[in-house]
Protein backbone atom coordinates (compact mmCIF):
# COMPACT_ATOMS: atom_id res chain seq x y z
CA MET A 1 248.76 212.02 111.53
CA ASP A 2 248.55 214.56 109.04
CA LEU A 3 244.92 213.94 107.55
CA GLN A 4 245.02 216.67 104.95
CA LYS A 5 248.03 215.18 103.11
CA GLN A 6 246.66 211.84 102.77
CA THR A 7 244.82 210.93 99.52
CA VAL A 8 243.10 208.06 97.88
CA PRO A 9 244.33 207.52 94.29
CA THR A 10 241.03 206.73 92.48
CA ALA A 11 238.99 208.29 89.73
CA ALA A 12 236.03 208.68 91.84
CA THR A 13 237.73 210.68 94.69
CA GLU A 14 238.99 213.15 92.26
CA LEU A 15 235.70 214.61 91.56
CA ARG A 16 234.65 217.95 92.94
CA ALA A 17 232.89 217.84 96.34
CA SER A 18 229.51 219.34 96.69
CA ASP A 19 227.83 220.92 99.53
CA ALA A 20 225.83 217.59 100.03
CA ASP A 21 229.19 215.57 100.26
CA ARG A 22 230.40 218.00 103.00
CA ASP A 23 227.12 217.56 104.88
CA ARG A 24 227.57 213.87 104.95
CA ILE A 25 231.21 213.90 106.20
CA ALA A 26 229.92 216.38 108.94
CA ASP A 27 227.15 214.22 109.99
CA ILE A 28 229.66 211.29 110.49
CA LEU A 29 231.95 213.27 112.27
CA ARG A 30 229.22 214.55 114.76
CA ASP A 31 228.24 210.86 115.33
CA ALA A 32 231.66 209.85 115.89
CA LEU A 33 232.18 212.73 118.49
CA ALA A 34 228.79 211.57 120.22
CA GLU A 35 230.12 208.07 120.31
CA GLY A 36 233.40 208.92 121.94
CA ARG A 37 235.25 208.15 118.77
CA LEU A 38 236.53 211.66 118.50
CA THR A 39 237.76 213.95 121.02
CA ALA A 40 236.38 217.55 120.80
CA ASP A 41 239.61 218.96 119.40
CA GLU A 42 239.78 216.11 116.70
CA HIS A 43 236.28 216.89 115.69
CA ALA A 44 236.86 220.46 115.40
CA GLU A 45 239.94 219.97 113.22
CA ARG A 46 238.39 217.68 110.97
CA VAL A 47 235.18 219.58 110.51
CA GLU A 48 237.26 222.61 109.61
CA GLY A 49 239.45 220.37 107.05
CA ALA A 50 236.22 218.98 105.57
CA LEU A 51 234.77 222.33 104.95
CA ALA A 52 237.94 223.32 103.20
CA ALA A 53 238.01 220.25 101.12
CA LYS A 54 238.02 220.57 97.32
CA THR A 55 237.42 216.89 96.12
CA VAL A 56 235.74 213.74 97.39
CA GLY A 57 238.98 212.11 97.86
CA GLU A 58 240.09 214.98 100.32
CA LEU A 59 236.83 214.53 102.12
CA GLU A 60 237.14 210.91 102.64
CA VAL A 61 240.32 211.13 104.41
CA PHE A 62 238.71 212.74 107.35
CA ILE A 63 236.53 209.51 107.93
CA ARG A 64 238.73 206.90 106.89
CA ASP A 65 239.47 205.64 110.49
CA LEU A 66 235.72 205.61 111.39
CA PRO A 67 233.20 202.70 110.92
CA ALA A 68 230.86 204.87 108.92
CA ALA A 69 233.50 204.96 106.07
CA HIS A 70 233.50 201.36 105.59
CA ALA A 71 229.86 200.55 105.56
CA ARG A 72 228.51 198.73 102.49
CA ARG A 73 227.24 201.21 99.94
CA THR A 74 225.03 200.61 96.84
CA PRO A 75 227.24 199.93 93.83
CA TYR A 76 227.81 203.15 91.85
CA VAL A 77 226.18 202.81 88.35
CA PRO A 78 226.53 205.79 85.96
CA ALA A 79 223.20 207.07 84.39
CA ALA A 80 222.75 206.02 80.74
CA SER A 81 223.67 208.76 78.14
CA ARG A 82 220.29 208.52 76.61
CA PRO A 83 216.86 207.33 77.94
CA ALA A 84 215.81 203.81 77.01
CA PRO A 85 213.60 203.75 73.72
CA ALA A 86 209.86 204.39 74.34
CA ALA A 87 210.92 205.57 77.92
CA VAL A 88 210.06 209.12 77.08
CA PRO A 89 207.13 209.99 74.86
CA LEU A 90 207.81 211.99 71.58
CA ASP A 91 205.01 214.74 72.46
CA PRO A 92 205.99 217.10 75.31
CA ASP A 93 204.10 217.39 78.53
CA GLU A 94 204.89 221.17 78.33
CA ASN A 95 206.22 223.92 75.90
CA VAL A 96 208.03 226.81 77.40
CA VAL A 97 208.33 229.53 74.56
CA ALA A 98 209.93 232.99 74.45
CA VAL A 99 209.84 235.21 71.28
CA PHE A 100 211.26 238.54 71.92
CA SER A 101 210.39 237.98 75.43
CA SER A 102 211.21 235.98 78.44
CA ALA A 103 209.69 232.64 79.95
CA VAL A 104 210.57 231.25 83.45
CA ARG A 105 209.63 227.84 85.02
CA LYS A 106 210.79 227.70 88.46
CA GLY A 107 209.67 227.11 92.20
CA ARG A 108 207.54 224.04 93.28
CA TRP A 109 206.37 222.48 90.02
CA ARG A 110 205.87 218.94 88.55
CA ALA A 111 208.39 218.11 85.95
CA GLY A 112 206.89 216.17 83.05
CA ARG A 113 208.91 213.57 81.15
CA ARG A 114 209.39 215.78 78.14
CA ILE A 115 209.72 219.54 78.14
CA HIS A 116 210.15 221.66 74.89
CA ALA A 117 212.03 224.90 75.26
CA TYR A 118 212.24 227.60 72.48
CA ALA A 119 213.90 230.98 72.72
CA VAL A 120 213.75 233.19 69.74
CA PHE A 121 215.36 236.66 70.40
CA GLY A 122 214.21 235.78 74.01
CA SER A 123 215.48 233.84 77.08
CA VAL A 124 214.07 230.84 78.64
CA GLU A 125 215.11 229.52 82.20
CA ILE A 126 213.99 226.14 83.41
CA ASP A 127 214.76 225.69 87.18
CA LEU A 128 214.33 222.26 88.25
CA SER A 129 216.07 222.76 91.65
CA GLU A 130 212.63 222.73 93.57
CA ALA A 131 210.64 220.73 91.24
CA LEU A 132 208.59 217.49 92.03
CA PHE A 133 210.07 214.61 89.86
CA GLU A 134 207.52 212.22 89.24
CA TYR A 135 209.55 210.29 86.70
CA GLN A 136 213.17 209.27 86.69
CA GLN A 137 213.78 210.21 83.19
CA VAL A 138 213.21 213.78 82.00
CA VAL A 139 214.17 215.12 78.51
CA ILE A 140 214.53 218.75 77.80
CA ARG A 141 214.53 219.57 74.18
CA ALA A 142 216.02 223.12 73.76
CA ILE A 143 216.16 225.42 70.45
CA SER A 144 217.82 228.72 70.79
CA VAL A 145 217.81 231.13 67.94
CA PHE A 146 219.38 234.55 68.86
CA GLY A 147 218.29 233.53 72.49
CA SER A 148 219.31 231.68 75.73
CA VAL A 149 218.02 228.70 77.27
CA GLU A 150 219.24 227.95 80.85
CA VAL A 151 218.55 224.54 82.64
CA ARG A 152 219.23 224.44 86.35
CA VAL A 153 218.94 221.07 88.44
CA PRO A 154 219.67 219.98 91.92
CA GLU A 155 223.07 218.83 92.65
CA ASN A 156 222.06 215.23 93.39
CA VAL A 157 220.53 214.34 90.00
CA SER A 158 222.27 213.10 87.10
CA LEU A 159 222.69 215.49 84.19
CA ARG A 160 223.33 214.55 80.41
CA GLY A 161 223.63 216.83 77.38
CA ALA A 162 223.62 216.13 73.65
CA GLY A 163 223.55 219.07 70.94
CA GLY A 164 225.55 221.57 69.43
CA GLY A 165 225.77 225.06 68.42
CA VAL A 166 225.91 227.19 64.99
CA LEU A 167 227.61 230.30 65.73
CA GLY A 168 226.37 229.68 69.24
CA SER A 169 227.26 227.59 72.39
CA PHE A 170 225.96 224.27 73.88
CA GLU A 171 227.41 223.89 77.31
CA VAL A 172 225.75 221.15 79.65
CA ASP A 173 227.60 219.85 82.74
CA HIS A 174 227.99 216.10 83.03
CA LEU A 175 226.79 215.04 86.56
CA ASP A 176 226.42 211.52 88.11
CA ALA A 177 224.14 211.08 91.12
CA GLU A 178 225.26 208.81 93.67
CA GLU A 179 221.86 207.22 94.25
CA PRO A 180 220.91 204.85 91.19
CA GLU A 181 217.25 205.73 91.41
CA ALA A 182 217.86 209.54 91.24
CA PRO A 183 216.29 211.40 88.43
CA VAL A 184 218.44 211.99 85.06
CA VAL A 185 217.86 215.01 83.23
CA HIS A 186 218.73 214.93 79.63
CA VAL A 187 219.21 218.32 77.61
CA ASP A 188 219.23 217.94 74.07
CA GLY A 189 218.94 220.82 71.19
CA TRP A 190 220.70 223.36 69.22
CA ALA A 191 221.97 226.91 69.58
CA VAL A 192 221.70 229.09 66.48
CA LEU A 193 223.61 232.26 67.34
CA GLY A 194 222.35 231.69 70.90
CA SER A 195 223.13 229.62 73.74
CA ILE A 196 222.04 226.66 75.59
CA GLU A 197 223.55 225.51 79.04
CA GLY A 198 222.72 223.03 81.93
CA ARG A 199 224.06 223.48 85.41
CA ALA A 200 223.62 222.24 88.67
CA LYS A 201 222.41 224.89 91.30
CA ARG A 202 224.72 225.04 94.19
CA GLY A 203 223.22 223.77 97.58
CA LYS A 204 220.00 222.53 95.88
CA LEU A 205 218.79 218.91 96.55
CA VAL A 206 215.91 216.83 95.65
CA ALA A 207 215.01 214.46 98.47
CA ASP A 208 211.59 213.23 97.76
CA ILE A 209 211.98 211.42 94.70
CA LEU A 210 211.98 207.80 95.93
CA ASP A 211 209.09 208.38 98.24
CA ARG A 212 206.87 209.92 95.75
CA VAL A 213 207.73 207.09 93.14
CA GLN A 214 206.92 204.43 95.77
CA ARG A 215 203.63 206.28 96.79
CA HIS A 216 202.68 206.48 93.00
CA LEU A 217 203.38 202.83 92.47
CA ASP A 218 201.38 202.00 95.73
CA ARG A 219 198.30 203.93 94.49
CA GLY A 220 198.54 202.10 91.18
CA ALA A 221 198.69 198.65 92.82
CA LYS A 222 195.82 199.67 95.08
CA GLY A 223 193.64 200.78 92.12
CA LEU A 224 194.44 197.54 90.44
CA ARG A 225 193.09 195.58 93.42
CA LYS A 226 190.03 197.45 93.59
CA HIS A 227 189.32 197.11 89.79
CA PRO A 228 191.02 193.95 88.81
CA ASP A 229 189.00 193.67 85.46
CA ARG A 230 190.24 197.18 84.18
């Protein structure tokens, strides 16, 4: 059987594969080898093919005859194009401003629900690849005048963009996370003789969103039990 020539003609399988997708397939193949479902040669051949795969459909071919490929998955629901009304406050949690200068927000930091970025003859970089997401909806309002605003997100969050350019460029990739509860980052704004862009940072994943949200809810419930009259 020539695994590399088999494809599944569905829209979802035509999406470009990420490093996280390849890692998931490699984990399934490793388990299949340990269970005796694959020989060492079969395992090596499939791992090599998975590493070279370009799309999700090409990856799925290498596990289609394994039980893990047929396990029940959470139905895929695309993230909304805009956050629900009142879901995000109008006032920003943080302003990132660069006027004839540069401003960078990166590393392990807490992302608020709304961030405003202004680049006037300067550059702003907002890197969410290692940020702590305490809210599912994050809005970044970007204004660039003779400057640039760059937004970077982990590969496994949803990313949306709404805006435009006046003699400038507004380029935000459209990303859909497989996990329904994954964060959704909305980049809105205008570039006037400047640029605004949003991209995934290759190989970066946010893994603690669900645990953090649950702990936050648990703390709130615990506080209500201790102070029921509040």
